[in-house]
Protein backbone atom coordinates (compact mmCIF):
# COMPACT_ATOMS: atom_id res chain seq x y z
CA MET A 1 71.58 63.89 129.46
CA ARG A 2 70.18 62.81 126.11
CA TRP A 3 69.92 66.45 125.00
CA ARG A 4 73.50 67.13 126.03
CA ALA A 5 74.70 64.10 124.06
CA LEU A 6 72.89 65.36 120.96
CA VAL A 7 74.49 68.78 121.28
CA VAL A 8 77.95 67.27 121.68
CA ALA A 9 77.46 65.00 118.66
CA ALA A 10 76.20 67.83 116.46
CA VAL A 11 79.02 70.15 117.45
CA ALA A 12 81.60 67.39 116.88
CA GLY A 13 80.22 66.75 113.42
CA LEU A 14 80.39 70.45 112.59
CA LEU A 15 83.99 70.66 113.78
CA VAL A 16 84.92 67.72 111.54
CA LEU A 17 83.45 69.52 108.56
CA LEU A 18 85.23 72.77 109.37
CA SER A 19 88.55 71.00 109.82
CA GLY A 20 88.28 69.41 106.36
CA GLY A 21 88.70 65.78 107.41
CA PRO A 22 89.79 62.95 105.14
CA ALA A 23 86.32 62.48 103.65
CA MET A 24 86.40 66.06 102.39
CA ALA A 25 89.97 66.03 101.11
CA LYS A 26 90.31 68.25 98.07
CA GLY A 27 93.51 66.95 96.57
CA ALA A 28 94.82 63.79 94.98
CA ASP A 29 96.35 61.09 97.15
CA ARG A 30 98.23 59.50 94.26
CA ALA A 31 99.60 60.53 90.87
CA THR A 32 100.91 58.29 88.10
CA ILE A 33 103.07 59.53 85.21
CA SER A 34 103.49 57.35 82.15
CA GLY A 35 104.74 57.88 78.62
CA PRO A 36 107.45 57.26 76.04
CA GLY A 37 110.99 56.38 77.06
CA MET A 38 109.99 55.15 80.51
CA ALA A 39 110.78 51.69 81.83
CA GLY A 40 107.68 51.92 84.00
CA PRO A 41 105.26 54.49 85.40
CA ILE A 42 106.32 57.01 88.03
CA VAL A 43 104.02 56.84 91.05
CA LEU A 44 103.75 59.49 93.77
CA GLY A 45 101.77 59.11 96.97
CA GLY A 46 99.55 56.14 97.60
CA ASP A 47 100.57 56.08 101.26
CA GLY A 48 97.99 58.49 102.66
CA ALA A 49 99.80 61.63 101.51
CA ALA A 50 97.41 64.30 100.27
CA GLY A 51 98.32 66.54 97.38
CA GLU A 52 96.22 69.48 98.54
CA PRO A 53 96.90 73.12 97.61
CA GLY A 54 99.76 74.62 99.58
CA SER A 55 100.47 71.43 101.54
CA GLY A 56 103.97 71.08 100.09
CA GLY A 57 105.64 67.94 98.84
CA ASP A 58 106.13 66.65 95.32
CA LEU A 59 102.55 65.43 94.90
CA ALA A 60 101.01 68.78 95.83
CA THR A 61 103.56 70.68 93.71
CA LEU A 62 102.85 68.42 90.74
CA ALA A 63 99.09 68.91 91.07
CA GLU A 64 99.39 72.69 91.39
CA GLY A 65 101.88 72.95 88.55
CA SER A 66 99.77 70.89 86.15
CA GLY A 67 96.60 72.91 86.79
CA LEU A 68 94.69 70.06 88.43
CA PHE A 69 92.83 72.28 90.91
CA LEU A 70 91.82 74.74 88.19
CA ALA A 71 90.43 71.82 86.19
CA MET A 72 88.47 70.47 89.16
CA PHE A 73 87.24 73.71 90.75
CA GLY A 74 87.41 76.36 88.03
CA ALA A 75 89.26 79.66 87.64
CA ASP A 76 91.06 81.15 90.63
CA GLY A 77 91.67 84.85 90.20
CA GLY A 78 93.83 85.30 87.11
CA GLN A 79 94.60 81.59 86.84
CA ARG A 80 92.45 79.56 84.45
CA LEU A 81 92.57 76.94 81.74
CA THR A 82 92.51 78.21 78.16
CA GLN A 83 90.71 76.75 75.18
CA SER A 84 93.40 77.63 72.63
CA GLN A 85 96.25 75.19 72.10
CA PRO A 86 99.64 76.86 72.66
CA THR A 87 101.53 77.75 69.52
CA GLY A 88 104.66 75.83 68.57
CA ALA A 89 105.60 72.19 68.81
CA LEU A 90 104.23 70.23 71.76
CA GLY A 91 106.75 67.39 71.73
CA PRO A 92 106.13 63.95 73.24
CA ARG A 93 102.94 63.38 75.21
CA TYR A 94 102.84 61.85 78.68
CA GLU A 95 99.86 61.03 80.84
CA LEU A 96 99.22 62.32 84.35
CA ALA A 97 96.60 60.29 86.22
CA TYR A 98 95.48 61.61 89.61
CA ARG A 99 93.51 59.51 92.09
CA VAL A 100 91.16 61.83 93.98
CA PRO A 101 89.22 60.67 97.07
CA ASP A 102 85.96 62.62 96.68
CA GLY A 103 83.55 60.77 98.92
CA SER A 104 82.30 58.42 96.18
CA PRO A 105 82.47 54.63 96.76
CA ASP A 106 85.59 54.49 94.60
CA PRO A 107 88.07 57.40 94.28
CA SER A 108 87.71 59.37 91.07
CA THR A 109 90.51 59.55 88.50
CA VAL A 110 91.36 62.77 86.67
CA THR A 111 93.77 62.47 83.77
CA GLN A 112 95.79 65.13 81.99
CA ASP A 113 98.00 65.10 78.90
CA LEU A 114 101.46 66.39 79.79
CA TYR A 115 103.84 67.88 77.24
CA PRO A 116 107.10 68.50 79.13
CA GLU A 117 109.06 69.64 76.05
CA ALA A 118 106.49 72.01 74.58
CA ALA A 119 107.83 75.21 73.06
CA GLY A 120 107.92 77.87 75.75
CA GLY A 121 107.77 75.38 78.62
CA PRO A 122 105.64 72.44 79.77
CA VAL A 123 101.89 72.51 79.17
CA THR A 124 99.04 70.22 80.14
CA TYR A 125 95.67 69.51 78.62
CA THR A 126 92.67 68.36 80.68
CA ARG A 127 89.68 66.75 79.03
CA ALA A 128 86.36 68.29 80.07
CA GLY A 129 83.61 66.20 81.64
CA GLN A 130 85.64 63.96 83.97
CA GLN A 131 83.59 63.14 87.07
CA VAL A 132 84.96 64.37 90.42
CA PHE A 133 83.37 65.79 93.60
CA GLY A 134 79.90 65.34 92.15
CA SER A 135 80.72 67.64 89.26
CA THR A 136 82.88 67.53 86.13
CA THR A 137 86.25 68.93 85.19
CA THR A 138 86.79 72.05 83.15
CA GLY A 139 88.58 71.30 79.91
CA GLY A 140 91.49 73.25 78.51
CA TRP A 141 95.20 73.96 78.32
CA TYR A 142 97.47 75.14 81.11
CA ARG A 143 100.99 76.56 80.95
CA ALA A 144 102.96 75.19 83.89
CA PRO A 145 104.98 77.60 86.09
CA ALA A 146 108.71 78.06 85.60
CA ASN A 147 109.63 75.77 88.51
CA PHE A 148 107.68 72.83 87.06
CA PRO A 149 110.40 71.42 84.73
CA ALA A 150 112.79 71.01 87.66
CA LEU A 151 110.21 68.90 89.47
CA LEU A 152 109.66 66.73 86.40
CA ALA A 153 113.42 66.25 86.04
CA LYS A 154 113.65 65.32 89.73
CA LEU A 155 110.90 62.74 89.31
CA GLY A 156 112.70 61.22 86.34
CA VAL A 157 110.46 62.19 83.44
CA PRO A 158 112.69 61.50 80.43
CA GLY A 159 110.93 64.06 78.22
CA VAL A 160 112.48 66.91 80.20
CA THR A 161 115.68 67.93 78.46
CA ALA A 162 118.55 69.66 80.21
CA ARG A 163 117.68 72.84 78.32
CA VAL A 164 114.11 72.86 79.63
CA ALA A 165 115.05 71.82 83.16
CA SER A 166 117.63 74.60 83.39
CA ALA A 167 114.85 77.18 83.15
CA ALA A 168 114.18 76.64 86.85
CA ALA A 169 117.82 76.33 87.96
CA PRO A 170 118.83 78.33 91.09
CA SER A 171 120.83 80.74 88.92
CA ALA A 172 117.64 81.89 87.24
CA PRO A 173 114.72 83.43 89.16
CA ALA A 174 111.90 80.94 89.30
CA ALA A 175 108.34 82.16 89.06
CA ALA A 176 106.23 81.31 92.07
CA ALA A 177 103.64 78.62 91.63
CA PRO A 178 100.12 80.00 91.26
CA THR A 179 98.21 80.44 94.47
CA VAL A 180 95.25 78.11 94.44
CA ARG A 181 92.30 78.96 96.62
CA GLU A 182 90.87 76.04 98.53
CA SER A 183 87.53 75.32 96.89
CA ARG A 184 84.72 73.28 98.33
CA PRO A 185 82.23 71.25 96.29
CA ALA A 186 78.61 72.46 96.49
CA GLY A 187 77.63 69.44 98.60
CA TYR A 188 80.10 70.52 101.28
CA TRP A 189 78.34 73.87 101.84
CA ILE A 190 74.89 72.26 101.80
CA PHE A 191 76.00 69.74 104.42
CA LEU A 192 77.71 72.45 106.46
CA GLY A 193 74.56 74.60 106.43
CA ALA A 194 72.45 71.63 107.47
CA ALA A 195 74.83 70.80 110.32
CA THR A 196 74.73 74.42 111.50
CA LEU A 197 70.93 74.35 111.53
CA VAL A 198 70.97 71.10 113.49
CA VAL A 199 73.26 72.62 116.14
CA PHE A 200 71.06 75.71 116.36
CA ALA A 201 67.85 73.68 116.60
CA VAL A 202 69.21 71.32 119.24
CA GLY A 203 70.61 74.21 121.26
CA SER A 204 67.29 76.07 121.11
CA ALA A 205 65.41 72.94 122.18
CA VAL A 206 67.71 72.46 125.16
CA LEU A 207 67.24 76.10 126.20
CA VAL A 208 63.43 75.84 125.98
CA ARG A 209 63.48 72.56 127.92
CA ARG A 210 65.53 74.13 130.70
CA ARG A 211 63.23 77.15 130.90
CA VAL A 212 60.15 74.95 131.11
CA ALA A 213 61.76 72.82 133.81
CA HIS A 214 62.80 75.93 135.74
CA ALA A 215 59.30 77.37 135.48
CA GLY A 216 57.86 74.09 136.72
CA ARG A 217 60.16 74.04 139.73
CA SER A 218 59.33 77.66 140.55
CA ALA A 219 55.62 76.93 140.34
CA GLY A 220 56.03 73.92 142.61
CA ARG A 221 57.89 75.96 145.23
CA SER A 222 55.21 78.67 145.15
CA ALA A 223 52.44 76.10 145.61
CA ALA A 224 54.29 74.53 148.52
CA ALA A 225 54.84 77.90 150.17
CA GLY A 226 51.11 78.76 149.81
């Protein structure tokens, strides 16, 4: 029975890892926007909502549109942060602060500079070296997708003018948000590999134990028959 319990526990732990439970969440659970012209900060989440890639909702859309996942996990296909500042005026600067549960005693905070009225559309800048998921952020600039200004206007960011927000109006085709591949920190894969080895080792031990017990019973029956 003890061996069976070990197998069940190991398999359950592996399933938790594969399902990406709360401890391995990859997105922010809260975002705070602050800057000029605001009576107070705009806060999204903070109630258990996870802003993970493709999960929908304003928090996830904000994180994808600002390039948060690219900053935390690196380039994804053709999407990446750039080192060159965009040409043209940037306009007023706002701050995006994301709270990211990453398994550390206290959630990490990743901040970005947001320029909603930049020439050519909103851009963000992420400072390199911010600690998250046992690693550090990639630094650089990111041009937000065409549907990003409409989200900022909806959230009440005063730096978004009607001219900028209209770029994502229904009458104009809006570019799809970049597809962000779910990335796992290196520690995740190490832990997953270790859990797999534990399941394999426990399963092998149970099989050997059963074979030995079966051989013992067979030997006992033969001796009794003799």
